Amino acid sequence: MSSNSTHSVPIARAVGESEPLPTETHASEVLKVSTRSRPSAVAGAIAGVIRDNGVAEVQSIGAGATNQAIKAVAIARSYLNEEGIDIVCVPSFIDVSIEEEERTAIRLIVSRRSSI
């Protein structure tokens, strides 16, 4: 985030790993997952964001990171089901800039399931 910004924007954070990932500015908190991320730690973060906001965004780049992210969503679902909360996950692609290089990431929007 540049120092010229007139509004505060939460910074993306890496979850379940020892080293932070490069971040970029987003309108809401983004959970960034790497191959080294622990799915249970990411799941806890997803569950916390769902409890607070109802929607969480998870990003991953590469097969290993995406595998960890999907496992985390499944674990988060089991955590939240114990509280009577069901979630859905909508995957998509998103272009991100890391160290001035454009990459394509997987974006998972995780939200509470609407009652029918």
PDB file of N, CA and C in Angstrom:
ATOM      1  N   MET A   1       0.850  -1.170   0.000  1.00  0.00           N
ATOM      2  CA  MET A   1       0.000   0.000   0.000  1.00  0.00           C
ATOM      3  C   MET A   1       0.886   1.220   0.000  1.00  0.00           C
ATOM      4  N   SER A   2       0.607   2.183  -0.832  1.00  0.00           N
ATOM      5  CA  SER A   2       1.442   3.367  -0.922  1.00  0.00           C
ATOM      6  C   SER A   2       1.148   4.314   0.225  1.00  0.00           C
ATOM      7  N   SER A   3       2.125   5.155   0.557  1.00  0.00           N
ATOM      8  CA  SER A   3       1.950   6.110   1.635  1.00  0.00           C
ATOM      9  C   SER A   3       1.031   7.247   1.219  1.00  0.00           C
ATOM     10  N   ASN A   4       0.701   7.363  -0.065  1.00  0.00           N
ATOM     11  CA  ASN A   4      -0.185   8.401  -0.557  1.00  0.00           C
ATOM     12  C   ASN A   4      -1.651   8.035  -0.395  1.00  0.00           C
ATOM     13  N   SER A   5      -1.944   6.826   0.040  1.00  0.00           N
ATOM     14  CA  SER A   5      -3.310   6.344   0.144  1.00  0.00           C
ATOM     15  C   SER A   5      -4.084   7.161   1.169  1.00  0.00           C
ATOM     16  N   THR A   6      -5.351   7.469   0.849  1.00  0.00           N
ATOM     17  CA  THR A   6      -6.187   8.249   1.741  1.00  0.00           C
ATOM     18  C   THR A   6      -7.093   7.385   2.588  1.00  0.00           C
ATOM     19  N   HIS A   7      -7.096   6.092   2.367  1.00  0.00           N
ATOM     20  CA  HIS A   7      -7.923   5.205   3.162  1.00  0.00           C
ATOM     21  C   HIS A   7      -7.108   3.991   3.593  1.00  0.00           C
ATOM     22  N   SER A   8      -7.553   3.406   4.688  1.00  0.00           N
ATOM     23  CA  SER A   8      -6.854   2.243   5.220  1.00  0.00           C
ATOM     24  C   SER A   8      -7.412   0.979   4.591  1.00  0.00           C
ATOM     25  N   VAL A   9      -6.542   0.134   4.077  1.00  0.00           N
ATOM     26  CA  VAL A   9      -6.946  -1.119   3.461  1.00  0.00           C
ATOM     27  C   VAL A   9      -6.196  -2.242   4.168  1.00  0.00           C
ATOM     28  N   PRO A  10      -6.934  -3.255   4.696  1.00  0.00           N
ATOM     29  CA  PRO A  10      -6.226  -4.367   5.333  1.00  0.00           C
ATOM     30  C   PRO A  10      -5.260  -5.022   4.356  1.00  0.00           C
ATOM     31  N   ILE A  11      -4.149  -5.462   4.853  1.00  0.00           N
ATOM     32  CA  ILE A  11      -3.132  -6.103   4.028  1.00  0.00           C
ATOM     33  C   ILE A  11      -3.362  -7.604   4.045  1.00  0.00           C
ATOM     34  N   ALA A  12      -3.123  -8.235   2.909  1.00  0.00           N
ATOM     35  CA  ALA A  12      -3.243  -9.686   2.819  1.00  0.00           C
ATOM     36  C   ALA A  12      -2.230 -10.320   3.746  1.00  0.00           C
ATOM     37  N   ARG A  13      -2.557 -11.478   4.275  1.00  0.00           N
ATOM     38  CA  ARG A  13      -1.608 -12.164   5.131  1.00  0.00           C
ATOM     39  C   ARG A  13      -1.485 -13.616   4.717  1.00  0.00           C
ATOM     40  N   ALA A  14      -0.303 -14.125   4.887  1.00  0.00           N
ATOM     41  CA  ALA A  14      -0.070 -15.544   4.638  1.00  0.00           C
ATOM     42  C   ALA A  14      -0.426 -16.283   5.917  1.00  0.00           C
ATOM     43  N   VAL A  15      -1.025 -17.447   5.796  1.00  0.00           N
ATOM     44  CA  VAL A  15      -1.417 -18.196   6.978  1.00  0.00           C
ATOM     45  C   VAL A  15      -0.799 -19.577   6.977  1.00  0.00           C
ATOM     46  N   GLY A  16      -0.489 -20.063   8.165  1.00  0.00           N
ATOM     47  CA  GLY A  16      -0.012 -21.425   8.320  1.00  0.00           C
ATOM     48  C   GLY A  16       1.402 -21.674   7.836  1.00  0.00           C
ATOM     49  N   GLU A  17       2.223 -20.649   7.773  1.00  0.00           N
ATOM     50  CA  GLU A  17       3.594 -20.839   7.320  1.00  0.00           C
ATOM     51  C   GLU A  17       4.518 -19.922   8.110  1.00  0.00           C
ATOM     52  N   SER A  18       5.796 -20.196   8.067  1.00  0.00           N
ATOM     53  CA  SER A  18       6.759 -19.424   8.845  1.00  0.00           C
ATOM     54  C   SER A  18       7.194 -18.141   8.155  1.00  0.00           C
ATOM     55  N   GLU A  19       7.205 -18.106   6.828  1.00  0.00           N
ATOM     56  CA  GLU A  19       7.639 -16.913   6.093  1.00  0.00           C
ATOM     57  C   GLU A  19       6.451 -16.258   5.418  1.00  0.00           C
ATOM     58  N   PRO A  20       6.320 -14.923   5.543  1.00  0.00           N
ATOM     59  CA  PRO A  20       5.217 -14.264   4.856  1.00  0.00           C
ATOM     60  C   PRO A  20       5.415 -14.270   3.354  1.00  0.00           C
ATOM     61  N   LEU A  21       4.306 -14.294   2.635  1.00  0.00           N
ATOM     62  CA  LEU A  21       4.335 -14.202   1.180  1.00  0.00           C
ATOM     63  C   LEU A  21       4.275 -12.735   0.783  1.00  0.00           C
ATOM     64  N   PRO A  22       4.744 -12.379  -0.413  1.00  0.00           N
ATOM     65  CA  PRO A  22       4.563 -11.012  -0.887  1.00  0.00           C
ATOM     66  C   PRO A  22       3.075 -10.698  -0.936  1.00  0.00           C
ATOM     67  N   THR A  23       2.734  -9.435  -0.670  1.00  0.00           N
ATOM     68  CA  THR A  23       1.329  -9.054  -0.643  1.00  0.00           C
ATOM     69  C   THR A  23       1.057  -7.907  -1.586  1.00  0.00           C
ATOM     70  N   GLU A  24      -0.200  -7.721  -1.862  1.00  0.00           N
ATOM     71  CA  GLU A  24      -0.625  -6.566  -2.626  1.00  0.00           C
ATOM     72  C   GLU A  24      -1.883  -6.020  -1.972  1.00  0.00           C
ATOM     73  N   THR A  25      -2.275  -4.827  -2.330  1.00  0.00           N
ATOM     74  CA  THR A  25      -3.411  -4.171  -1.708  1.00  0.00           C
ATOM     75  C   THR A  25      -4.726  -4.750  -2.208  1.00  0.00           C
ATOM     76  N   HIS A  26      -5.645  -5.013  -1.282  1.00  0.00           N
ATOM     77  CA  HIS A  26      -6.959  -5.549  -1.610  1.00  0.00           C
ATOM     78  C   HIS A  26      -8.015  -4.795  -0.817  1.00  0.00           C
ATOM     79  N   ALA A  27      -9.243  -4.830  -1.285  1.00  0.00           N
ATOM     80  CA  ALA A  27     -10.338  -4.162  -0.607  1.00  0.00           C
ATOM     81  C   ALA A  27     -10.728  -4.876   0.679  1.00  0.00           C
ATOM     82  N   SER A  28     -10.441  -6.153   0.805  1.00  0.00           N
ATOM     83  CA  SER A  28     -10.745  -6.904   2.010  1.00  0.00           C
ATOM     84  C   SER A  28      -9.577  -7.835   2.318  1.00  0.00           C
ATOM     85  N   GLU A  29      -9.635  -8.441   3.492  1.00  0.00           N
ATOM     86  CA  GLU A  29      -8.547  -9.333   3.875  1.00  0.00           C
ATOM     87  C   GLU A  29      -8.506 -10.548   2.965  1.00  0.00           C
ATOM     88  N   VAL A  30      -7.306 -10.907   2.529  1.00  0.00           N
ATOM     89  CA  VAL A  30      -7.098 -12.058   1.667  1.00  0.00           C
ATOM     90  C   VAL A  30      -6.161 -13.018   2.399  1.00  0.00           C
ATOM     91  N   LEU A  31      -6.535 -14.279   2.457  1.00  0.00           N
ATOM     92  CA  LEU A  31      -5.689 -15.310   3.056  1.00  0.00           C
ATOM     93  C   LEU A  31      -4.882 -15.937   1.932  1.00  0.00           C
ATOM     94  N   LYS A  32      -3.568 -15.772   1.981  1.00  0.00           N
ATOM     95  CA  LYS A  32      -2.698 -16.314   0.935  1.00  0.00           C
ATOM     96  C   LYS A  32      -2.074 -17.610   1.437  1.00  0.00           C
ATOM     97  N   VAL A  33      -2.182 -18.637   0.613  1.00  0.00           N
ATOM     98  CA  VAL A  33      -1.747 -19.974   0.989  1.00  0.00           C
ATOM     99  C   VAL A  33      -0.578 -20.383   0.112  1.00  0.00           C
ATOM    100  N   SER A  34       0.433 -21.002   0.719  1.00  0.00           N
ATOM    101  CA  SER A  34       1.573 -21.524  -0.026  1.00  0.00           C
ATOM    102  C   SER A  34       1.634 -23.039   0.146  1.00  0.00           C
ATOM    103  N   THR A  35       2.563 -23.638  -0.547  1.00  0.00           N
ATOM    104  CA  THR A  35       2.770 -25.086  -0.422  1.00  0.00           C
ATOM    105  C   THR A  35       3.130 -25.469   1.008  1.00  0.00           C
ATOM    106  N   ARG A  36       3.802 -24.573   1.719  1.00  0.00           N
ATOM    107  CA  ARG A  36       4.229 -24.844   3.088  1.00  0.00           C
ATOM    108  C   ARG A  36       3.170 -24.549   4.145  1.00  0.00           C
ATOM    109  N   SER A  37       2.037 -23.993   3.733  1.00  0.00           N
ATOM    110  CA  SER A  37       0.970 -23.671   4.681  1.00  0.00           C
ATOM    111  C   SER A  37       0.392 -24.940   5.289  1.00  0.00           C
ATOM    112  N   ARG A  38       0.102 -24.863   6.578  1.00  0.00           N
ATOM    113  CA  ARG A  38      -0.551 -25.983   7.265  1.00  0.00           C
ATOM    114  C   ARG A  38      -2.057 -25.849   7.070  1.00  0.00           C
ATOM    115  N   PRO A  39      -2.698 -26.845   6.444  1.00  0.00           N
ATOM    116  CA  PRO A  39      -4.137 -26.741   6.191  1.00  0.00           C
ATOM    117  C   PRO A  39      -4.973 -26.461   7.444  1.00  0.00           C
ATOM    118  N   SER A  40      -4.612 -27.035   8.581  1.00  0.00           N
ATOM    119  CA  SER A  40      -5.401 -26.787   9.794  1.00  0.00           C
ATOM    120  C   SER A  40      -5.288 -25.329  10.251  1.00  0.00           C
ATOM    121  N   ALA A  41      -4.114 -24.721  10.082  1.00  0.00           N
ATOM    122  CA  ALA A  41      -3.946 -23.313  10.446  1.00  0.00           C
ATOM    123  C   ALA A  41      -4.735 -22.414   9.497  1.00  0.00           C
ATOM    124  N   VAL A  42      -4.690 -22.716   8.212  1.00  0.00           N
ATOM    125  CA  VAL A  42      -5.453 -21.948   7.230  1.00  0.00           C
ATOM    126  C   VAL A  42      -6.947 -22.124   7.505  1.00  0.00           C
ATOM    127  N   ALA A  43      -7.363 -23.349   7.828  1.00  0.00           N
ATOM    128  CA  ALA A  43      -8.773 -23.626   8.131  1.00  0.00           C
ATOM    129  C   ALA A  43      -9.250 -22.792   9.317  1.00  0.00           C
ATOM    130  N   GLY A  44      -8.420 -22.685  10.340  1.00  0.00           N
ATOM    131  CA  GLY A  44      -8.776 -21.866  11.491  1.00  0.00           C
ATOM    132  C   GLY A  44      -8.946 -20.405  11.111  1.00  0.00           C
ATOM    133  N   ALA A  45      -8.066 -19.921  10.233  1.00  0.00           N
ATOM    134  CA  ALA A  45      -8.167 -18.536   9.764  1.00  0.00           C
ATOM    135  C   ALA A  45      -9.435 -18.344   8.933  1.00  0.00           C
ATOM    136  N   ILE A  46      -9.727 -19.282   8.047  1.00  0.00           N
ATOM    137  CA  ILE A  46     -10.941 -19.206   7.234  1.00  0.00           C
ATOM    138  C   ILE A  46     -12.171 -19.182   8.142  1.00  0.00           C
ATOM    139  N   ALA A  47     -12.221 -20.103   9.093  1.00  0.00           N
ATOM    140  CA  ALA A  47     -13.364 -20.183  10.005  1.00  0.00           C
ATOM    141  C   ALA A  47     -13.535 -18.875  10.779  1.00  0.00           C
ATOM    142  N   GLY A  48     -12.444 -18.288  11.234  1.00  0.00           N
ATOM    143  CA  GLY A  48     -12.519 -17.030  11.966  1.00  0.00           C
ATOM    144  C   GLY A  48     -13.054 -15.894  11.115  1.00  0.00           C
ATOM    145  N   VAL A  49     -12.588 -15.813   9.875  1.00  0.00           N
ATOM    146  CA  VAL A  49     -13.066 -14.761   8.972  1.00  0.00           C
ATOM    147  C   VAL A  49     -14.537 -14.984   8.637  1.00  0.00           C
ATOM    148  N   ILE A  50     -14.934 -16.222   8.430  1.00  0.00           N
ATOM    149  CA  ILE A  50     -16.346 -16.527   8.155  1.00  0.00           C
ATOM    150  C   ILE A  50     -17.214 -16.122   9.340  1.00  0.00           C
ATOM    151  N   ARG A  51     -16.775 -16.440  10.548  1.00  0.00           N
ATOM    152  CA  ARG A  51     -17.542 -16.061  11.738  1.00  0.00           C
ATOM    153  C   ARG A  51     -17.686 -14.546  11.831  1.00  0.00           C
ATOM    154  N   ASP A  52     -16.609 -13.820  11.529  1.00  0.00           N
ATOM    155  CA  ASP A  52     -16.614 -12.359  11.658  1.00  0.00           C
ATOM    156  C   ASP A  52     -17.309 -11.656  10.504  1.00  0.00           C
ATOM    157  N   ASN A  53     -17.037 -12.097   9.266  1.00  0.00           N
ATOM    158  CA  ASN A  53     -17.485 -11.366   8.082  1.00  0.00           C
ATOM    159  C   ASN A  53     -18.480 -12.113   7.206  1.00  0.00           C
ATOM    160  N   GLY A  54     -18.558 -13.432   7.350  1.00  0.00           N
ATOM    161  CA  GLY A  54     -19.441 -14.215   6.505  1.00  0.00           C
ATOM    162  C   GLY A  54     -18.838 -14.628   5.177  1.00  0.00           C
ATOM    163  N   VAL A  55     -17.711 -13.984   4.783  1.00  0.00           N
ATOM    164  CA  VAL A  55     -17.047 -14.282   3.513  1.00  0.00           C
ATOM    165  C   VAL A  55     -15.540 -14.207   3.708  1.00  0.00           C
ATOM    166  N   ALA A  56     -14.812 -15.171   3.128  1.00  0.00           N
ATOM    167  CA  ALA A  56     -13.350 -15.160   3.167  1.00  0.00           C
ATOM    168  C   ALA A  56     -12.829 -15.371   1.752  1.00  0.00           C
ATOM    169  N   GLU A  57     -11.714 -14.697   1.429  1.00  0.00           N
ATOM    170  CA  GLU A  57     -11.063 -14.896   0.138  1.00  0.00           C
ATOM    171  C   GLU A  57      -9.728 -15.583   0.392  1.00  0.00           C
ATOM    172  N   VAL A  58      -9.511 -16.684  -0.326  1.00  0.00           N
ATOM    173  CA  VAL A  58      -8.272 -17.456  -0.204  1.00  0.00           C
ATOM    174  C   VAL A  58      -7.604 -17.449  -1.575  1.00  0.00           C
ATOM    175  N   GLN A  59      -6.298 -17.171  -1.607  1.00  0.00           N
ATOM    176  CA  GLN A  59      -5.563 -17.182  -2.872  1.00  0.00           C
ATOM    177  C   GLN A  59      -4.397 -18.147  -2.781  1.00  0.00           C
ATOM    178  N   SER A  60      -4.126 -18.820  -3.914  1.00  0.00           N
ATOM    179  CA  SER A  60      -2.990 -19.738  -3.992  1.00  0.00           C
ATOM    180  C   SER A  60      -2.431 -19.696  -5.412  1.00  0.00           C
ATOM    181  N   ILE A  61      -1.125 -19.933  -5.516  1.00  0.00           N
ATOM    182  CA  ILE A  61      -0.472 -20.005  -6.814  1.00  0.00           C
ATOM    183  C   ILE A  61       0.251 -21.336  -6.886  1.00  0.00           C
ATOM    184  N   GLY A  62      -0.098 -22.144  -7.876  1.00  0.00           N
ATOM    185  CA  GLY A  62       0.547 -23.439  -8.065  1.00  0.00           C
ATOM    186  C   GLY A  62      -0.256 -24.584  -7.480  1.00  0.00           C
ATOM    187  N   ALA A  63       0.063 -25.774  -7.965  1.00  0.00           N
ATOM    188  CA  ALA A  63      -0.683 -26.974  -7.585  1.00  0.00           C
ATOM    189  C   ALA A  63      -0.561 -27.293  -6.096  1.00  0.00           C
ATOM    190  N   GLY A  64       0.644 -27.205  -5.546  1.00  0.00           N
ATOM    191  CA  GLY A  64       0.841 -27.531  -4.132  1.00  0.00           C
ATOM    192  C   GLY A  64       0.091 -26.589  -3.218  1.00  0.00           C
ATOM    193  N   ALA A  65       0.157 -25.303  -3.513  1.00  0.00           N
ATOM    194  CA  ALA A  65      -0.542 -24.314  -2.696  1.00  0.00           C
ATOM    195  C   ALA A  65      -2.054 -24.470  -2.821  1.00  0.00           C
ATOM    196  N   THR A  66      -2.522 -24.745  -4.030  1.00  0.00           N
ATOM    197  CA  THR A  66      -3.955 -24.926  -4.236  1.00  0.00           C
ATOM    198  C   THR A  66      -4.449 -26.179  -3.513  1.00  0.00           C
ATOM    199  N   ASN A  67      -3.648 -27.220  -3.501  1.00  0.00           N
ATOM    200  CA  ASN A  67      -3.983 -28.430  -2.756  1.00  0.00           C
ATOM    201  C   ASN A  67      -4.160 -28.102  -1.267  1.00  0.00           C
ATOM    202  N   GLN A  68      -3.229 -27.341  -0.697  1.00  0.00           N
ATOM    203  CA  GLN A  68      -3.319 -26.972   0.717  1.00  0.00           C
ATOM    204  C   GLN A  68      -4.562 -26.116   0.963  1.00  0.00           C
ATOM    205  N   ALA A  69      -4.863 -25.215   0.042  1.00  0.00           N
ATOM    206  CA  ALA A  69      -6.021 -24.338   0.192  1.00  0.00           C
ATOM    207  C   ALA A  69      -7.328 -25.128   0.182  1.00  0.00           C
ATOM    208  N   ILE A  70      -7.438 -26.078  -0.740  1.00  0.00           N
ATOM    209  CA  ILE A  70      -8.667 -26.892  -0.829  1.00  0.00           C
ATOM    210  C   ILE A  70      -8.829 -27.743   0.425  1.00  0.00           C
ATOM    211  N   LYS A  71      -7.733 -28.335   0.894  1.00  0.00           N
ATOM    212  CA  LYS A  71      -7.806 -29.106   2.149  1.00  0.00           C
ATOM    213  C   LYS A  71      -8.259 -28.204   3.290  1.00  0.00           C
ATOM    214  N   ALA A  72      -7.748 -26.976   3.330  1.00  0.00           N
ATOM    215  CA  ALA A  72      -8.117 -26.037   4.390  1.00  0.00           C
ATOM    216  C   ALA A  72      -9.606 -25.702   4.351  1.00  0.00           C
ATOM    217  N   VAL A  73     -10.166 -25.526   3.157  1.00  0.00           N
ATOM    218  CA  VAL A  73     -11.600 -25.241   3.048  1.00  0.00           C
ATOM    219  C   VAL A  73     -12.409 -26.422   3.589  1.00  0.00           C
ATOM    220  N   ALA A  74     -11.996 -27.634   3.254  1.00  0.00           N
ATOM    221  CA  ALA A  74     -12.708 -28.824   3.747  1.00  0.00           C
ATOM    222  C   ALA A  74     -12.634 -28.913   5.271  1.00  0.00           C
ATOM    223  N   ILE A  75     -11.472 -28.620   5.836  1.00  0.00           N
ATOM    224  CA  ILE A  75     -11.313 -28.653   7.294  1.00  0.00           C
ATOM    225  C   ILE A  75     -12.135 -27.541   7.933  1.00  0.00           C
ATOM    226  N   ALA A  76     -12.093 -26.339   7.355  1.00  0.00           N
ATOM    227  CA  ALA A  76     -12.881 -25.221   7.881  1.00  0.00           C
ATOM    228  C   ALA A  76     -14.365 -25.561   7.888  1.00  0.00           C
ATOM    229  N   ARG A  77     -14.809 -26.255   6.855  1.00  0.00           N
ATOM    230  CA  ARG A  77     -16.219 -26.654   6.787  1.00  0.00           C
ATOM    231  C   ARG A  77     -16.577 -27.542   7.964  1.00  0.00           C
ATOM    232  N   SER A  78     -15.680 -28.481   8.298  1.00  0.00           N
ATOM    233  CA  SER A  78     -15.970 -29.352   9.449  1.00  0.00           C
ATOM    234  C   SER A  78     -15.948 -28.562  10.757  1.00  0.00           C
ATOM    235  N   TYR A  79     -15.015 -27.605  10.899  1.00  0.00           N
ATOM    236  CA  TYR A  79     -14.990 -26.750  12.099  1.00  0.00           C
ATOM    237  C   TYR A  79     -16.310 -25.998  12.237  1.00  0.00           C
ATOM    238  N   LEU A  80     -16.757 -25.384  11.159  1.00  0.00           N
ATOM    239  CA  LEU A  80     -17.950 -24.541  11.209  1.00  0.00           C
ATOM    240  C   LEU A  80     -19.235 -25.354  11.314  1.00  0.00           C
ATOM    241  N   ASN A  81     -19.253 -26.572  10.740  1.00  0.00           N
ATOM    242  CA  ASN A  81     -20.435 -27.427  10.853  1.00  0.00           C
ATOM    243  C   ASN A  81     -20.757 -27.741  12.310  1.00  0.00           C
ATOM    244  N   GLU A  82     -19.726 -27.829  13.152  1.00  0.00           N
ATOM    245  CA  GLU A  82     -19.939 -28.077  14.578  1.00  0.00           C
ATOM    246  C   GLU A  82     -20.718 -26.940  15.238  1.00  0.00           C
ATOM    247  N   GLU A  83     -20.694 -25.759  14.609  1.00  0.00           N
ATOM    248  CA  GLU A  83     -21.407 -24.585  15.128  1.00  0.00           C
ATOM    249  C   GLU A  83     -22.695 -24.328  14.366  1.00  0.00           C
ATOM    250  N   GLY A  84     -23.064 -25.251  13.471  1.00  0.00           N
ATOM    251  CA  GLY A  84     -24.286 -25.093  12.694  1.00  0.00           C
ATOM    252  C   GLY A  84     -24.139 -24.147  11.512  1.00  0.00           C
ATOM    253  N   ILE A  85     -22.907 -23.884  11.090  1.00  0.00           N
ATOM    254  CA  ILE A  85     -22.646 -23.016   9.944  1.00  0.00           C
ATOM    255  C   ILE A  85     -22.174 -23.875   8.791  1.00  0.00           C
ATOM    256  N   ASP A  86     -22.817 -23.735   7.623  1.00  0.00           N
ATOM    257  CA  ASP A  86     -22.377 -24.446   6.428  1.00  0.00           C
ATOM    258  C   ASP A  86     -21.789 -23.416   5.472  1.00  0.00           C
ATOM    259  N   ILE A  87     -20.769 -23.816   4.729  1.00  0.00           N
ATOM    260  CA  ILE A  87     -20.106 -22.900   3.803  1.00  0.00           C
ATOM    261  C   ILE A  87     -20.069 -23.479   2.396  1.00  0.00           C
ATOM    262  N   VAL A  88     -19.893 -22.586   1.434  1.00  0.00           N
ATOM    263  CA  VAL A  88     -19.694 -22.971   0.041  1.00  0.00           C
ATOM    264  C   VAL A  88     -18.425 -22.283  -0.448  1.00  0.00           C
ATOM    265  N   CYS A  89     -17.836 -22.846  -1.505  1.00  0.00           N
ATOM    266  CA  CYS A  89     -16.594 -22.320  -2.057  1.00  0.00           C
ATOM    267  C   CYS A  89     -16.775 -22.132  -3.561  1.00  0.00           C
ATOM    268  N   VAL A  90     -16.464 -20.929  -4.042  1.00  0.00           N
ATOM    269  CA  VAL A  90     -16.560 -20.631  -5.467  1.00  0.00           C
ATOM    270  C   VAL A  90     -15.162 -20.313  -5.974  1.00  0.00           C
ATOM    271  N   PRO A  91     -14.597 -21.179  -6.829  1.00  0.00           N
ATOM    272  CA  PRO A  91     -13.246 -20.945  -7.353  1.00  0.00           C
ATOM    273  C   PRO A  91     -13.257 -20.065  -8.603  1.00  0.00           C
ATOM    274  N   SER A  92     -12.180 -19.315  -8.778  1.00  0.00           N
ATOM    275  CA  SER A  92     -11.996 -18.519 -10.000  1.00  0.00           C
ATOM    276  C   SER A  92     -10.507 -18.228 -10.156  1.00  0.00           C
ATOM    277  N   PHE A  93     -10.152 -17.604 -11.262  1.00  0.00           N
ATOM    278  CA  PHE A  93      -8.782 -17.175 -11.496  1.00  0.00           C
ATOM    279  C   PHE A  93      -8.675 -15.687 -11.201  1.00  0.00           C
ATOM    280  N   ILE A  94      -7.490 -15.267 -10.780  1.00  0.00           N
ATOM    281  CA  ILE A  94      -7.225 -13.851 -10.555  1.00  0.00           C
ATOM    282  C   ILE A  94      -5.766 -13.589 -10.914  1.00  0.00           C
ATOM    283  N   ASP A  95      -5.506 -12.478 -11.569  1.00  0.00           N
ATOM    284  CA  ASP A  95      -4.133 -12.088 -11.885  1.00  0.00           C
ATOM    285  C   ASP A  95      -3.585 -11.273 -10.725  1.00  0.00           C
ATOM    286  N   VAL A  96      -2.401 -11.649 -10.252  1.00  0.00           N
ATOM    287  CA  VAL A  96      -1.750 -10.939  -9.155  1.00  0.00           C
ATOM    288  C   VAL A  96      -0.353 -10.527  -9.589  1.00  0.00           C
ATOM    289  N   SER A  97       0.150  -9.493  -8.969  1.00  0.00           N
ATOM    290  CA  SER A  97       1.500  -9.023  -9.252  1.00  0.00           C
ATOM    291  C   SER A  97       2.381  -9.345  -8.056  1.00  0.00           C
ATOM    292  N   ILE A  98       3.408 -10.136  -8.289  1.00  0.00           N
ATOM    293  CA  ILE A  98       4.362 -10.495  -7.239  1.00  0.00           C
ATOM    294  C   ILE A  98       5.744 -10.092  -7.714  1.00  0.00           C
ATOM    295  N   GLU A  99       6.347  -9.176  -6.951  1.00  0.00           N
ATOM    296  CA  GLU A  99       7.666  -8.658  -7.314  1.00  0.00           C
ATOM    297  C   GLU A  99       7.685  -8.201  -8.770  1.00  0.00           C
ATOM    298  N   GLU A 100       6.685  -7.416  -9.148  1.00  0.00           N
ATOM    299  CA  GLU A 100       6.537  -6.834 -10.479  1.00  0.00           C
ATOM    300  C   GLU A 100       6.359  -7.868 -11.595  1.00  0.00           C
ATOM    301  N   GLU A 101       5.987  -9.091 -11.246  1.00  0.00           N
ATOM    302  CA  GLU A 101       5.723 -10.139 -12.224  1.00  0.00           C
ATOM    303  C   GLU A 101       4.256 -10.549 -12.118  1.00  0.00           C
ATOM    304  N   GLU A 102       3.560 -10.594 -13.253  1.00  0.00           N
ATOM    305  CA  GLU A 102       2.163 -10.998 -13.276  1.00  0.00           C
ATOM    306  C   GLU A 102       2.063 -12.519 -13.175  1.00  0.00           C
ATOM    307  N   ARG A 103       1.225 -12.991 -12.258  1.00  0.00           N
ATOM    308  CA  ARG A 103       0.988 -14.427 -12.085  1.00  0.00           C
ATOM    309  C   ARG A 103      -0.515 -14.672 -12.050  1.00  0.00           C
ATOM    310  N   THR A 104      -0.923 -15.859 -12.399  1.00  0.00           N
ATOM    311  CA  THR A 104      -2.325 -16.238 -12.283  1.00  0.00           C
ATOM    312  C   THR A 104      -2.480 -17.085 -11.035  1.00  0.00           C
ATOM    313  N   ALA A 105      -3.386 -16.671 -10.184  1.00  0.00           N
ATOM    314  CA  ALA A 105      -3.645 -17.377  -8.931  1.00  0.00           C
ATOM    315  C   ALA A 105      -5.032 -17.985  -8.973  1.00  0.00           C
ATOM    316  N   ILE A 106      -5.249 -18.954  -8.117  1.00  0.00           N
ATOM    317  CA  ILE A 106      -6.581 -19.490  -7.879  1.00  0.00           C
ATOM    318  C   ILE A 106      -7.171 -18.678  -6.733  1.00  0.00           C
ATOM    319  N   ARG A 107      -8.391 -18.238  -6.934  1.00  0.00           N
ATOM    320  CA  ARG A 107      -9.088 -17.445  -5.918  1.00  0.00           C
ATOM    321  C   ARG A 107     -10.294 -18.249  -5.462  1.00  0.00           C
ATOM    322  N   LEU A 108     -10.383 -18.503  -4.169  1.00  0.00           N
ATOM    323  CA  LEU A 108     -11.506 -19.231  -3.595  1.00  0.00           C
ATOM    324  C   LEU A 108     -12.310 -18.258  -2.738  1.00  0.00           C
ATOM    325  N   ILE A 109     -13.547 -18.017  -3.128  1.00  0.00           N
ATOM    326  CA  ILE A 109     -14.425 -17.207  -2.297  1.00  0.00           C
ATOM    327  C   ILE A 109     -15.239 -18.188  -1.459  1.00  0.00           C
ATOM    328  N   VAL A 110     -15.037 -18.123  -0.156  1.00  0.00           N
ATOM    329  CA  VAL A 110     -15.699 -19.025   0.777  1.00  0.00           C
ATOM    330  C   VAL A 110     -16.726 -18.189   1.535  1.00  0.00           C
ATOM    331  N   SER A 111     -17.983 -18.650   1.518  1.00  0.00           N
ATOM    332  CA  SER A 111     -19.027 -17.889   2.208  1.00  0.00           C
ATOM    333  C   SER A 111     -20.025 -18.819   2.861  1.00  0.00           C
ATOM    334  N   ARG A 112     -20.812 -18.224   3.767  1.00  0.00           N
ATOM    335  CA  ARG A 112     -21.880 -18.986   4.398  1.00  0.00           C
ATOM    336  C   ARG A 112     -22.888 -19.415   3.338  1.00  0.00           C
ATOM    337  N   ARG A 113     -23.372 -20.627   3.475  1.00  0.00           N
ATOM    338  CA  ARG A 113     -24.413 -21.119   2.547  1.00  0.00           C
ATOM    339  C   ARG A 113     -25.731 -20.463   2.937  1.00  0.00           C
ATOM    340  N   SER A 114     -26.432 -19.951   1.943  1.00  0.00           N
ATOM    341  CA  SER A 114     -27.729 -19.321   2.180  1.00  0.00           C
ATOM    342  C   SER A 114     -28.785 -20.388   2.447  1.00  0.00           C
ATOM    343  N   SER A 115     -29.698 -20.105   3.326  1.00  0.00           N
ATOM    344  CA  SER A 115     -30.822 -21.028   3.570  1.00  0.00           C
ATOM    345  C   SER A 115     -31.761 -20.963   2.381  1.00  0.00           C
ATOM    346  N   ILE A 116     -32.307 -22.122   2.033  1.00  0.00           N
ATOM    347  CA  ILE A 116     -33.232 -22.172   0.883  1.00  0.00           C
ATOM    348  C   ILE A 116     -34.650 -22.177   1.386  1.00  0.00           C
TER     349      ILE A 116
END
